[in-house]
Structures are given as C-alpha cells and as structure tokens.
C-alpha atoms as a PDB file:
ATOM      1  CA  UNK A   1       0.000   0.000   0.000  1.00  0.00           C
ATOM      2  CA  UNK A   2       1.318   3.475  -0.807  1.00  0.00           C
ATOM      3  CA  UNK A   3       0.715   6.481   1.386  1.00  0.00           C
ATOM      4  CA  UNK A   4      -1.826   9.177   0.541  1.00  0.00           C
ATOM      5  CA  UNK A   5      -0.843  11.770  -2.017  1.00  0.00           C
ATOM      6  CA  UNK A   6      -0.021  15.174  -0.513  1.00  0.00           C
ATOM      7  CA  UNK A   7      -3.014  17.477  -0.272  1.00  0.00           C
ATOM      8  CA  UNK A   8      -3.363  21.199   0.329  1.00  0.00           C
ATOM      9  CA  UNK A   9      -6.260  22.062   2.614  1.00  0.00           C
ATOM     10  CA  UNK A  10      -8.510  24.903   1.525  1.00  0.00           C
ATOM     11  CA  UNK A  11      -8.885  27.111   4.583  1.00  0.00           C
ATOM     12  CA  UNK A  12     -11.113  30.147   4.887  1.00  0.00           C
ATOM     13  CA  UNK A  13      -9.504  32.900   6.950  1.00  0.00           C
ATOM     14  CA  UNK A  14     -10.314  36.376   8.130  1.00  0.00           C
ATOM     15  CA  UNK A  15      -8.391  38.426   5.569  1.00  0.00           C
ATOM     16  CA  UNK A  16      -6.629  40.606   8.108  1.00  0.00           C
ATOM     17  CA  UNK A  17      -4.907  37.542   9.604  1.00  0.00           C
ATOM     18  CA  UNK A  18      -2.858  36.953   6.466  1.00  0.00           C
ATOM     19  CA  UNK A  19      -1.839  40.586   6.132  1.00  0.00           C
ATOM     20  CA  UNK A  20      -4.602  42.191   4.072  1.00  0.00           C
ATOM     21  CA  UNK A  21      -5.237  45.837   4.995  1.00  0.00           C
ATOM     22  CA  UNK A  22      -8.903  45.491   5.870  1.00  0.00           C
ATOM     23  CA  UNK A  23      -9.071  46.263   9.596  1.00  0.00           C
ATOM     24  CA  UNK A  24     -11.289  49.074  10.873  1.00  0.00           C
ATOM     25  CA  UNK A  25      -8.193  51.261  11.251  1.00  0.00           C
ATOM     26  CA  UNK A  26      -6.837  50.512   7.782  1.00  0.00           C
ATOM     27  CA  UNK A  27      -4.258  48.054   9.086  1.00  0.00           C
ATOM     28  CA  UNK A  28      -4.000  44.277   9.403  1.00  0.00           C
ATOM     29  CA  UNK A  29      -3.630  41.646  12.124  1.00  0.00           C
ATOM     30  CA  UNK A  30      -1.137  39.381  10.369  1.00  0.00           C
ATOM     31  CA  UNK A  31      -0.710  36.195  12.380  1.00  0.00           C
ATOM     32  CA  UNK A  32       2.803  34.781  12.432  1.00  0.00           C
ATOM     33  CA  UNK A  33       1.807  31.123  12.382  1.00  0.00           C
ATOM     34  CA  UNK A  34      -0.864  31.414   9.688  1.00  0.00           C
ATOM     35  CA  UNK A  35       1.105  33.704   7.383  1.00  0.00           C
ATOM     36  CA  UNK A  36       4.390  31.978   8.266  1.00  0.00           C
ATOM     37  CA  UNK A  37       4.853  28.217   8.903  1.00  0.00           C
ATOM     38  CA  UNK A  38       1.365  27.145   7.776  1.00  0.00           C
ATOM     39  CA  UNK A  39       1.199  29.304   4.649  1.00  0.00           C
ATOM     40  CA  UNK A  40       3.231  27.044   2.284  1.00  0.00           C
ATOM     41  CA  UNK A  41       0.946  24.078   2.959  1.00  0.00           C
ATOM     42  CA  UNK A  42      -2.574  25.491   2.588  1.00  0.00           C
ATOM     43  CA  UNK A  43      -4.654  27.410   0.067  1.00  0.00           C
ATOM     44  CA  UNK A  44      -6.214  30.385   1.796  1.00  0.00           C
ATOM     45  CA  UNK A  45      -9.733  31.612   1.043  1.00  0.00           C
ATOM     46  CA  UNK A  46      -9.660  35.157   2.474  1.00  0.00           C
ATOM     47  CA  UNK A  47     -12.931  36.594   3.779  1.00  0.00           C
ATOM     48  CA  UNK A  48     -13.651  40.017   5.296  1.00  0.00           C
ATOM     49  CA  UNK A  49     -17.384  40.333   5.998  1.00  0.00           C
ATOM     50  CA  UNK A  50     -17.151  44.055   6.779  1.00  0.00           C
ATOM     51  CA  UNK A  51     -15.568  44.809   3.420  1.00  0.00           C
ATOM     52  CA  UNK A  52     -18.038  42.532   1.628  1.00  0.00           C
ATOM     53  CA  UNK A  53     -21.031  44.429   3.010  1.00  0.00           C
ATOM     54  CA  UNK A  54     -19.476  47.655   1.759  1.00  0.00           C
ATOM     55  CA  UNK A  55     -18.107  49.254   4.924  1.00  0.00           C
ATOM     56  CA  UNK A  56     -14.668  49.974   3.503  1.00  0.00           C
ATOM     57  CA  UNK A  57     -11.569  50.819   5.536  1.00  0.00           C
ATOM     58  CA  UNK A  58     -10.902  52.742   7.687  1.00  0.00           C
ATOM     59  CA  UNK A  59     -14.409  52.477   9.156  1.00  0.00           C
ATOM     60  CA  UNK A  60     -16.416  52.871  12.300  1.00  0.00           C
ATOM     61  CA  UNK A  61     -16.027  50.241  14.963  1.00  0.00           C
ATOM     62  CA  UNK A  62     -18.911  47.835  15.523  1.00  0.00           C
ATOM     63  CA  UNK A  63     -20.415  46.047  18.485  1.00  0.00           C
ATOM     64  CA  UNK A  64     -23.223  43.714  19.448  1.00  0.00           C
ATOM     65  CA  UNK A  65     -26.181  45.224  21.256  1.00  0.00           C
ATOM     66  CA  UNK A  66     -29.147  43.608  22.937  1.00  0.00           C
ATOM     67  CA  UNK A  67     -32.625  43.875  21.432  1.00  0.00           C
ATOM     68  CA  UNK A  68     -35.960  42.048  21.815  1.00  0.00           C
ATOM     69  CA  UNK A  69     -35.226  40.300  18.516  1.00  0.00           C
ATOM     70  CA  UNK A  70     -31.744  39.146  19.487  1.00  0.00           C
ATOM     71  CA  UNK A  71     -28.277  40.695  19.198  1.00  0.00           C
ATOM     72  CA  UNK A  72     -27.923  43.533  16.706  1.00  0.00           C
ATOM     73  CA  UNK A  73     -24.698  44.503  14.944  1.00  0.00           C
ATOM     74  CA  UNK A  74     -24.423  48.266  15.338  1.00  0.00           C
ATOM     75  CA  UNK A  75     -21.973  50.969  14.316  1.00  0.00           C
ATOM     76  CA  UNK A  76     -20.873  52.825  17.431  1.00  0.00           C
ATOM     77  CA  UNK A  77     -21.021  56.430  16.237  1.00  0.00           C
ATOM     78  CA  UNK A  78     -23.703  56.652  13.548  1.00  0.00           C
ATOM     79  CA  UNK A  79     -25.869  53.905  15.095  1.00  0.00           C
ATOM     80  CA  UNK A  80     -26.451  52.052  11.817  1.00  0.00           C
ATOM     81  CA  UNK A  81     -27.941  48.585  12.202  1.00  0.00           C
ATOM     82  CA  UNK A  82     -25.981  46.181   9.972  1.00  0.00           C
ATOM     83  CA  UNK A  83     -27.549  42.980  11.261  1.00  0.00           C
ATOM     84  CA  UNK A  84     -29.654  42.236   8.195  1.00  0.00           C
ATOM     85  CA  UNK A  85     -26.870  42.890   5.704  1.00  0.00           C
ATOM     86  CA  UNK A  86     -24.402  40.792   7.655  1.00  0.00           C
ATOM     87  CA  UNK A  87     -26.879  37.940   8.167  1.00  0.00           C
ATOM     88  CA  UNK A  88     -27.656  37.852   4.429  1.00  0.00           C
ATOM     89  CA  UNK A  89     -23.952  37.763   3.580  1.00  0.00           C
ATOM     90  CA  UNK A  90     -23.324  34.999   6.120  1.00  0.00           C
ATOM     91  CA  UNK A  91     -26.177  32.913   4.718  1.00  0.00           C
ATOM     92  CA  UNK A  92     -24.845  33.263   1.182  1.00  0.00           C
ATOM     93  CA  UNK A  93     -21.265  32.541   2.212  1.00  0.00           C
ATOM     94  CA  UNK A  94     -22.295  29.519   4.300  1.00  0.00           C
ATOM     95  CA  UNK A  95     -24.304  28.041   1.434  1.00  0.00           C
ATOM     96  CA  UNK A  96     -21.348  28.266  -0.965  1.00  0.00           C
ATOM     97  CA  UNK A  97     -18.585  27.397   1.500  1.00  0.00           C
ATOM     98  CA  UNK A  98     -16.331  24.573   0.305  1.00  0.00           C
ATOM     99  CA  UNK A  99     -13.325  24.549   2.611  1.00  0.00           C
ATOM    100  CA  UNK A 100     -11.550  22.209   5.014  1.00  0.00           C
ATOM    101  CA  UNK A 101     -11.426  24.656   7.919  1.00  0.00           C
ATOM    102  CA  UNK A 102     -11.895  28.263   8.950  1.00  0.00           C
ATOM    103  CA  UNK A 103      -9.749  30.608  11.049  1.00  0.00           C
ATOM    104  CA  UNK A 104     -11.683  33.597  12.383  1.00  0.00           C
ATOM    105  CA  UNK A 105     -10.446  36.883  13.833  1.00  0.00           C
ATOM    106  CA  UNK A 106     -10.766  36.795  17.595  1.00  0.00           C
ATOM    107  CA  UNK A 107     -12.645  39.478  19.562  1.00  0.00           C
ATOM    108  CA  UNK A 108     -14.542  40.652  16.484  1.00  0.00           C
ATOM    109  CA  UNK A 109     -18.316  41.325  16.712  1.00  0.00           C
ATOM    110  CA  UNK A 110     -18.602  39.811  13.226  1.00  0.00           C
ATOM    111  CA  UNK A 111     -15.962  37.051  13.209  1.00  0.00           C
ATOM    112  CA  UNK A 112     -15.228  36.267  16.852  1.00  0.00           C
ATOM    113  CA  UNK A 113     -15.902  32.707  17.998  1.00  0.00           C
ATOM    114  CA  UNK A 114     -15.653  33.173  21.750  1.00  0.00           C
ATOM    115  CA  UNK A 115     -16.227  35.814  24.392  1.00  0.00           C
ATOM    116  CA  UNK A 116     -17.794  38.575  22.281  1.00  0.00           C
ATOM    117  CA  UNK A 117     -19.424  41.165  24.554  1.00  0.00           C
ATOM    118  CA  UNK A 118     -23.110  42.030  24.228  1.00  0.00           C
ATOM    119  CA  UNK A 119     -24.016  45.569  25.250  1.00  0.00           C
ATOM    120  CA  UNK A 120     -27.390  46.711  26.601  1.00  0.00           C
ATOM    121  CA  UNK A 121     -27.602  49.556  24.077  1.00  0.00           C
ATOM    122  CA  UNK A 122     -25.711  52.668  23.042  1.00  0.00           C
ATOM    123  CA  UNK A 123     -24.465  53.123  26.607  1.00  0.00           C
ATOM    124  CA  UNK A 124     -23.524  50.867  29.482  1.00  0.00           C
ATOM    125  CA  UNK A 125     -21.263  47.951  30.243  1.00  0.00           C
ATOM    126  CA  UNK A 126     -21.590  44.508  28.605  1.00  0.00           C
ATOM    127  CA  UNK A 127     -24.371  42.320  29.939  1.00  0.00           C
ATOM    128  CA  UNK A 128     -22.926  39.126  28.458  1.00  0.00           C
ATOM    129  CA  UNK A 129     -19.412  38.190  27.296  1.00  0.00           C
ATOM    130  CA  UNK A 130     -20.143  34.740  25.871  1.00  0.00           C
ATOM    131  CA  UNK A 131     -21.416  35.571  22.394  1.00  0.00           C
ATOM    132  CA  UNK A 132     -20.172  34.725  18.921  1.00  0.00           C
ATOM    133  CA  UNK A 133     -19.796  37.286  16.186  1.00  0.00           C
ATOM    134  CA  UNK A 134     -22.787  37.540  13.843  1.00  0.00           C
ATOM    135  CA  UNK A 135     -20.977  36.179  10.778  1.00  0.00           C
ATOM    136  CA  UNK A 136     -19.035  33.455  12.610  1.00  0.00           C
ATOM    137  CA  UNK A 137     -22.162  32.217  14.381  1.00  0.00           C
ATOM    138  CA  UNK A 138     -23.959  31.690  11.068  1.00  0.00           C
ATOM    139  CA  UNK A 139     -21.014  29.794   9.552  1.00  0.00           C
ATOM    140  CA  UNK A 140     -20.653  27.503  12.570  1.00  0.00           C
ATOM    141  CA  UNK A 141     -24.377  26.822  12.695  1.00  0.00           C
ATOM    142  CA  UNK A 142     -24.437  25.896   9.001  1.00  0.00           C
ATOM    143  CA  UNK A 143     -21.268  23.756   9.217  1.00  0.00           C
ATOM    144  CA  UNK A 144     -21.159  22.257  12.721  1.00  0.00           C
ATOM    145  CA  UNK A 145     -18.422  19.697  11.887  1.00  0.00           C
ATOM    146  CA  UNK A 146     -16.121  22.132  10.086  1.00  0.00           C
ATOM    147  CA  UNK A 147     -12.809  22.650  11.947  1.00  0.00           C
ATOM    148  CA  UNK A 148     -12.920  26.240  13.182  1.00  0.00           C
ATOM    149  CA  UNK A 149     -10.645  28.267  15.443  1.00  0.00           C
ATOM    150  CA  UNK A 150      -9.612  31.853  16.016  1.00  0.00           C
ATOM    151  CA  UNK A 151      -6.020  32.995  15.808  1.00  0.00           C
ATOM    152  CA  UNK A 152      -5.855  33.650  19.540  1.00  0.00           C
ATOM    153  CA  UNK A 153      -6.616  30.042  20.458  1.00  0.00           C
ATOM    154  CA  UNK A 154      -4.150  28.821  17.840  1.00  0.00           C
ATOM    155  CA  UNK A 155      -1.371  30.217  20.027  1.00  0.00           C
ATOM    156  CA  UNK A 156      -2.037  27.210  22.286  1.00  0.00           C
ATOM    157  CA  UNK A 157       0.140  24.292  21.085  1.00  0.00           C
ATOM    158  CA  UNK A 158      -2.502  21.626  21.762  1.00  0.00           C
ATOM    159  CA  UNK A 159      -5.311  23.501  20.007  1.00  0.00           C
ATOM    160  CA  UNK A 160      -3.047  24.437  17.095  1.00  0.00           C
ATOM    161  CA  UNK A 161      -1.983  20.838  16.514  1.00  0.00           C
ATOM    162  CA  UNK A 162      -5.570  19.582  16.776  1.00  0.00           C
ATOM    163  CA  UNK A 163      -6.848  22.128  14.261  1.00  0.00           C
ATOM    164  CA  UNK A 164      -4.091  21.458  11.724  1.00  0.00           C
ATOM    165  CA  UNK A 165      -4.560  17.703  12.046  1.00  0.00           C
ATOM    166  CA  UNK A 166      -8.266  18.047  11.278  1.00  0.00           C
ATOM    167  CA  UNK A 167      -7.917  20.340   8.263  1.00  0.00           C
ATOM    168  CA  UNK A 168      -5.481  17.941   6.605  1.00  0.00           C
ATOM    169  CA  UNK A 169      -7.765  14.976   7.306  1.00  0.00           C
ATOM    170  CA  UNK A 170     -10.743  16.859   5.881  1.00  0.00           C
ATOM    171  CA  UNK A 171      -8.679  17.755   2.805  1.00  0.00           C
ATOM    172  CA  UNK A 172      -7.674  14.142   2.185  1.00  0.00           C
ATOM    173  CA  UNK A 173     -11.290  13.003   2.276  1.00  0.00           C
ATOM    174  CA  UNK A 174     -12.365  15.881   0.035  1.00  0.00           C
ATOM    175  CA  UNK A 175      -9.660  14.954  -2.483  1.00  0.00           C
ATOM    176  CA  UNK A 176     -10.846  11.337  -2.497  1.00  0.00           C
ATOM    177  CA  UNK A 177     -14.518  12.188  -2.991  1.00  0.00           C
ATOM    178  CA  UNK A 178     -13.829  14.803  -5.666  1.00  0.00           C
ATOM    179  CA  UNK A 179     -12.064  12.134  -7.710  1.00  0.00           C
ATOM    180  CA  UNK A 180     -13.725   9.285  -9.599  1.00  0.00           C
ATOM    181  CA  UNK A 181     -13.529   6.998  -6.579  1.00  0.00           C
ATOM    182  CA  UNK A 182     -14.787   3.456  -6.194  1.00  0.00           C
ATOM    183  CA  UNK A 183     -15.418   1.232  -3.160  1.00  0.00           C
ATOM    184  CA  UNK A 184     -11.851  -0.057  -3.253  1.00  0.00           C
ATOM    185  CA  UNK A 185     -10.541   3.517  -2.956  1.00  0.00           C
ATOM    186  CA  UNK A 186     -12.724   4.195   0.072  1.00  0.00           C
ATOM    187  CA  UNK A 187     -11.581   0.946   1.699  1.00  0.00           C
ATOM    188  CA  UNK A 188      -7.925   1.963   1.195  1.00  0.00           C
ATOM    189  CA  UNK A 189      -8.603   5.467   2.514  1.00  0.00           C
ATOM    190  CA  UNK A 190     -10.302   4.125   5.616  1.00  0.00           C
ATOM    191  CA  UNK A 191      -7.503   1.616   6.190  1.00  0.00           C
ATOM    192  CA  UNK A 192      -4.940   4.440   6.269  1.00  0.00           C
ATOM    193  CA  UNK A 193      -7.048   6.447   8.729  1.00  0.00           C
ATOM    194  CA  UNK A 194      -8.057   3.669  11.128  1.00  0.00           C
ATOM    195  CA  UNK A 195      -5.595   4.517  13.895  1.00  0.00           C
ATOM    196  CA  UNK A 196      -6.240   8.247  13.558  1.00  0.00           C
ATOM    197  CA  UNK A 197      -9.983   7.708  13.939  1.00  0.00           C
ATOM    198  CA  UNK A 198      -9.385   5.314  16.845  1.00  0.00           C
ATOM    199  CA  UNK A 199      -7.284   7.938  18.621  1.00  0.00           C
ATOM    200  CA  UNK A 200     -10.087  10.480  18.330  1.00  0.00           C
ATOM    201  CA  UNK A 201     -13.214   8.444  18.913  1.00  0.00           C
ATOM    202  CA  UNK A 202     -13.395   4.634  19.144  1.00  0.00           C
ATOM    203  CA  UNK A 203     -17.168   4.684  18.609  1.00  0.00           C
ATOM    204  CA  UNK A 204     -16.755   6.966  15.605  1.00  0.00           C
ATOM    205  CA  UNK A 205     -14.051   4.655  14.284  1.00  0.00           C
ATOM    206  CA  UNK A 206     -16.544   1.789  14.388  1.00  0.00           C
ATOM    207  CA  UNK A 207     -19.290   3.892  12.783  1.00  0.00           C
ATOM    208  CA  UNK A 208     -17.051   4.863   9.873  1.00  0.00           C
ATOM    209  CA  UNK A 209     -15.955   1.247   9.482  1.00  0.00           C
ATOM    210  CA  UNK A 210     -19.584   0.117   9.331  1.00  0.00           C
ATOM    211  CA  UNK A 211     -20.219   2.508   6.444  1.00  0.00           C
ATOM    212  CA  UNK A 212     -17.218   1.110   4.573  1.00  0.00           C
ATOM    213  CA  UNK A 213     -18.313  -2.477   5.216  1.00  0.00           C
ATOM    214  CA  UNK A 214     -21.645  -1.809   3.445  1.00  0.00           C
ATOM    215  CA  UNK A 215     -20.247   0.476   0.747  1.00  0.00           C
ATOM    216  CA  UNK A 216     -20.531  -2.056  -2.065  1.00  0.00           C
ATOM    217  CA  UNK A 217     -24.283  -2.476  -1.538  1.00  0.00           C
ATOM    218  CA  UNK A 218     -25.362   1.200  -1.380  1.00  0.00           C
ATOM    219  CA  UNK A 219     -25.507   4.076  -3.885  1.00  0.00           C
ATOM    220  CA  UNK A 220     -22.219   5.951  -4.143  1.00  0.00           C
ATOM    221  CA  UNK A 221     -23.663   9.340  -3.132  1.00  0.00           C
ATOM    222  CA  UNK A 222     -25.273   7.793  -0.069  1.00  0.00           C
ATOM    223  CA  UNK A 223     -22.010   6.133   0.945  1.00  0.00           C
ATOM    224  CA  UNK A 224     -20.057   9.364   0.474  1.00  0.00           C
ATOM    225  CA  UNK A 225     -22.507  11.318   2.624  1.00  0.00           C
ATOM    226  CA  UNK A 226     -22.606   8.701   5.382  1.00  0.00           C
ATOM    227  CA  UNK A 227     -18.848   8.247   5.504  1.00  0.00           C
ATOM    228  CA  UNK A 228     -18.204  12.008   5.472  1.00  0.00           C
ATOM    229  CA  UNK A 229     -20.541  12.477   8.418  1.00  0.00           C
ATOM    230  CA  UNK A 230     -18.999   9.634  10.435  1.00  0.00           C
ATOM    231  CA  UNK A 231     -15.411  10.645   9.573  1.00  0.00           C
ATOM    232  CA  UNK A 232     -15.863  14.312  10.430  1.00  0.00           C
ATOM    233  CA  UNK A 233     -17.804  13.576  13.617  1.00  0.00           C
ATOM    234  CA  UNK A 234     -15.078  11.212  14.849  1.00  0.00           C
ATOM    235  CA  UNK A 235     -12.307  13.723  14.200  1.00  0.00           C
ATOM    236  CA  UNK A 236     -14.266  16.450  15.972  1.00  0.00           C
ATOM    237  CA  UNK A 237     -13.618  14.566  19.220  1.00  0.00           C
ATOM    238  CA  UNK A 238     -10.340  15.481  20.916  1.00  0.00           C
ATOM    239  CA  UNK A 239      -7.538  12.915  20.594  1.00  0.00           C
ATOM    240  CA  UNK A 240      -6.487  12.775  24.240  1.00  0.00           C
ATOM    241  CA  UNK A 241      -3.284  11.089  25.480  1.00  0.00           C
ATOM    242  CA  UNK A 242      -5.025   7.912  26.632  1.00  0.00           C
ATOM    243  CA  UNK A 243      -6.552   7.332  23.215  1.00  0.00           C
ATOM    244  CA  UNK A 244      -3.261   8.162  21.521  1.00  0.00           C
ATOM    245  CA  UNK A 245      -1.620   5.497  23.678  1.00  0.00           C
ATOM    246  CA  UNK A 246      -4.270   3.001  22.571  1.00  0.00           C
ATOM    247  CA  UNK A 247      -3.542   3.782  18.905  1.00  0.00           C
ATOM    248  CA  UNK A 248       0.218   3.553  19.475  1.00  0.00           C
ATOM    249  CA  UNK A 249      -0.159   0.174  21.139  1.00  0.00           C
ATOM    250  CA  UNK A 250      -2.280  -1.077  18.234  1.00  0.00           C
ATOM    251  CA  UNK A 251       0.467  -0.006  15.835  1.00  0.00           C
ATOM    252  CA  UNK A 252       3.136  -1.659  17.967  1.00  0.00           C
ATOM    253  CA  UNK A 253       1.123  -4.885  18.060  1.00  0.00           C
ATOM    254  CA  UNK A 254       1.127  -5.061  14.270  1.00  0.00           C
ATOM    255  CA  UNK A 255       4.939  -4.921  14.006  1.00  0.00           C
ATOM    256  CA  UNK A 256       6.998  -8.099  14.039  1.00  0.00           C
ATOM    257  CA  UNK A 257       9.770  -6.718  16.237  1.00  0.00           C
ATOM    258  CA  UNK A 258      12.219  -8.693  18.340  1.00  0.00           C
ATOM    259  CA  UNK A 259      11.480  -8.670  22.097  1.00  0.00           C
ATOM    260  CA  UNK A 260      14.162  -6.111  22.942  1.00  0.00           C
ATOM    261  CA  UNK A 261      12.951  -3.607  20.373  1.00  0.00           C
ATOM    262  CA  UNK A 262       9.320  -4.196  21.315  1.00  0.00           C
ATOM    263  CA  UNK A 263      10.106  -3.588  24.996  1.00  0.00           C
ATOM    264  CA  UNK A 264      11.980  -0.407  24.127  1.00  0.00           C
ATOM    265  CA  UNK A 265       9.070   0.970  22.105  1.00  0.00           C
ATOM    266  CA  UNK A 266       6.599  -0.023  24.809  1.00  0.00           C
ATOM    267  CA  UNK A 267       8.741   1.929  27.280  1.00  0.00           C
ATOM    268  CA  UNK A 268       8.711   5.014  25.057  1.00  0.00           C
ATOM    269  CA  UNK A 269       4.922   4.784  24.767  1.00  0.00           C
ATOM    270  CA  UNK A 270       4.821   4.572  28.566  1.00  0.00           C
ATOM    271  CA  UNK A 271       6.957   7.708  28.777  1.00  0.00           C
ATOM    272  CA  UNK A 272       4.468   9.501  26.540  1.00  0.00           C
ATOM    273  CA  UNK A 273       1.599   8.289  28.746  1.00  0.00           C
ATOM    274  CA  UNK A 274       3.445   9.668  31.793  1.00  0.00           C
ATOM    275  CA  UNK A 275       3.918  13.066  30.156  1.00  0.00           C
ATOM    276  CA  UNK A 276       7.696  12.739  29.823  1.00  0.00           C
ATOM    277  CA  UNK A 277       7.998  12.856  26.025  1.00  0.00           C
ATOM    278  CA  UNK A 278       5.790  14.312  23.257  1.00  0.00           C
ATOM    279  CA  UNK A 279       3.712  12.210  20.890  1.00  0.00           C
ATOM    280  CA  UNK A 280       6.202  12.891  18.094  1.00  0.00           C
ATOM    281  CA  UNK A 281       8.748  10.568  19.759  1.00  0.00           C
ATOM    282  CA  UNK A 282       6.850   7.236  19.829  1.00  0.00           C
ATOM    283  CA  UNK A 283       5.125   8.081  16.534  1.00  0.00           C
ATOM    284  CA  UNK A 284       8.462   8.643  14.773  1.00  0.00           C
ATOM    285  CA  UNK A 285       9.985   5.472  16.232  1.00  0.00           C
ATOM    286  CA  UNK A 286       7.026   3.325  15.193  1.00  0.00           C
ATOM    287  CA  UNK A 287       7.055   4.764  11.700  1.00  0.00           C
ATOM    288  CA  UNK A 288      10.812   4.135  11.467  1.00  0.00           C
ATOM    289  CA  UNK A 289      10.429   0.518  12.560  1.00  0.00           C
ATOM    290  CA  UNK A 290       7.475   0.013  10.217  1.00  0.00           C
ATOM    291  CA  UNK A 291       9.697   1.183   7.358  1.00  0.00           C
ATOM    292  CA  UNK A 292      12.440  -1.210   8.422  1.00  0.00           C
ATOM    293  CA  UNK A 293      10.047  -4.130   8.774  1.00  0.00           C
ATOM    294  CA  UNK A 294       8.309  -3.407   5.471  1.00  0.00           C
ATOM    295  CA  UNK A 295       5.057  -3.077   7.427  1.00  0.00           C
ATOM    296  CA  UNK A 296       3.268  -0.849   4.912  1.00  0.00           C
ATOM    297  CA  UNK A 297      -0.075  -0.947   6.753  1.00  0.00           C
ATOM    298  CA  UNK A 298       1.473   0.607   9.862  1.00  0.00           C
ATOM    299  CA  UNK A 299       3.878   2.870   7.967  1.00  0.00           C
ATOM    300  CA  UNK A 300       1.030   4.464   6.015  1.00  0.00           C
ATOM    301  CA  UNK A 301      -1.213   5.186   9.001  1.00  0.00           C
ATOM    302  CA  UNK A 302      -2.077   8.891   8.922  1.00  0.00           C
ATOM    303  CA  UNK A 303      -2.048   8.824  12.721  1.00  0.00           C
ATOM    304  CA  UNK A 304       1.747   8.643  12.610  1.00  0.00           C
ATOM    305  CA  UNK A 305       2.114  11.596  10.233  1.00  0.00           C
ATOM    306  CA  UNK A 306      -1.191  13.483   9.945  1.00  0.00           C
ATOM    307  CA  UNK A 307       0.262  16.617   8.300  1.00  0.00           C
ATOM    308  CA  UNK A 308       3.632  17.708   6.878  1.00  0.00           C
ATOM    309  CA  UNK A 309       6.415  16.853   9.318  1.00  0.00           C
ATOM    310  CA  UNK A 310       7.973  20.279   8.687  1.00  0.00           C
ATOM    311  CA  UNK A 311       5.192  21.889  10.734  1.00  0.00           C
ATOM    312  CA  UNK A 312       6.599  20.151  13.849  1.00  0.00           C
ATOM    313  CA  UNK A 313       3.404  20.546  15.871  1.00  0.00           C
ATOM    314  CA  UNK A 314       3.601  17.390  18.001  1.00  0.00           C
ATOM    315  CA  UNK A 315       6.577  18.390  20.084  1.00  0.00           C
ATOM    316  CA  UNK A 316       4.538  19.545  23.085  1.00  0.00           C
ATOM    317  CA  UNK A 317       4.385  17.253  26.132  1.00  0.00           C
ATOM    318  CA  UNK A 318       0.834  16.269  27.194  1.00  0.00           C
ATOM    319  CA  UNK A 319      -0.410  17.880  30.386  1.00  0.00           C
END
C-alpha cells in the first residue's frame, strides 16, 4: 500500500490575519503562524465580511447590542444597524462554503468565535461576554463539523496541533470524494485512517468502518454522505493522550519486532503516557520501525504523520 498523495487544505480565513489591509483602522492583524509556517501548505480563502457588506476601511467600529429580537450589529457612532446585511452575507457565504477549515479573527463582533461582549444599548457595560460574532455564528451553525478556530486560540500548542490535524484529514477526504472513486478507494482510505480515527473516537471509528463495510451495496452518493458524516464527527472529538496510547499500542502490536525492540518501544509509549515525552517521539519510532520491517499498513497510518512533518506541531508534552 502506498501512502496518501499530498493534499493542500482549503482554509477560509479572516483576511486581516494573512496581512490584508482590511481592519477598521486601515491596518492588518497578520498572524505569524498562519502567514508563516502554515502558509506554504494550505490554500487560503480570504474573507472580510465588513468589506463585503461595503463598509470599507478605515471604518467605524462595531459592536453587538441587545434587542428584543436578538443581538444587533451596530456601528458605534452613527448607530447604523448592519444585522440584516451581515446575516444575508453569512447565509450566502455559508451556502457556498467549500473549505476544510476556517480561522476567524478573535474578539470581532462579526468574526469572533468566543467571548464577544453584548451591550445593553448605546451606553452601558456589557451584559454578556459569551457571544459569537454575527458572521461566525452563522457559519458555525451551518457547518457544525467544520474545523474552526480563532487565531488567539491557535497560540495554544494543543489547540493548534488539533486544528491542523483536522484540516489535513478533511482535505484528504475531500480529495478522495472529488475524484472518480470506487469502493476499493474508500476501503484503502479508511484503512490508512483507522488509527487516527481510533485515537479520536473509538465509537466513531466503528461507525465509519460500518459505512465502509456496506459500501458495495449502497448508492455511491449515499455512501459518500454517510462516511463524510462519520469521519468528520469522529475527528471532531479530541484525541487525548489515553486514546493516543491506545492507537500507538495497536500499531506496535502489528509490528513483528524482536522482544528487545518491542520492549523499548513499549517503554517510550509509557513515557508519553506519563507526560515525559511528546507524541512525536513514539510516533516517529514506530514509523521508522514500520519502514524497516516493510510493514506498509502501519507505515502508512495517517495517525503517525497526519500533516507535513515540517510543521513540527507534536513536540509539546501532554499535560
């Protein structure tokens, strides 16, 4: 079995985060990780809702305000209500969205995912700080299994690695289903992703496997829809250290190593479980031994190399 062909995730992003001069003050909020290490490996789909509804830059600042009909998106100085225009744009964008992930601008009343303040009106202090931005909320509601983050949370090593892992997995499945695939192709795809799915969600791993097992007896479109739902739902669950250990042990069990080498690898997996080494260490050793043993099934598991190694995102030690 050969490994999956390299893919480039399509990732929607708030335009300011990759250096476009679209902020309210005429500037940008270029993020070093997105516009730096990640940039060579993804295809960005820049989006600035404020510019798309015609606000231009520089522009008035916006905020969410309480009303009987729900939060309203208001300009601070001229008191223009932009809720309808922004909601219509979000609906249109959500309907046409074809991406593997989305990175939103944090703290934005349009694009923020977490902790957006809601004000009581033109005056006063926030009455709620747990809202989403108007545009971001519509996208997330329309695409609940889409990997989404804001650039602030991507500064956390664990969240950054989890997001990047998911966008590459989504991209691989998209590439498969956009091609002229057959049941055999889906079986091979699922075989490569078994340990990755197991590390995220054992029940989801079984659900995806059940779809594959019946793939030859169902219409292709139905199979694609069912597998996509099961695959994305499984990956939406966090791959915690205990489940990673389970996947590592499964990989180890499939290698025909001599007792000394097996004991050594088992010890390294134990060190990962104890929080002494990062996941990159046992994963690299297992992949190396799989290469040496000619164990293609283990070598090609996406769990061992879920995105380009150059991104080096698995070097954090689990808490």
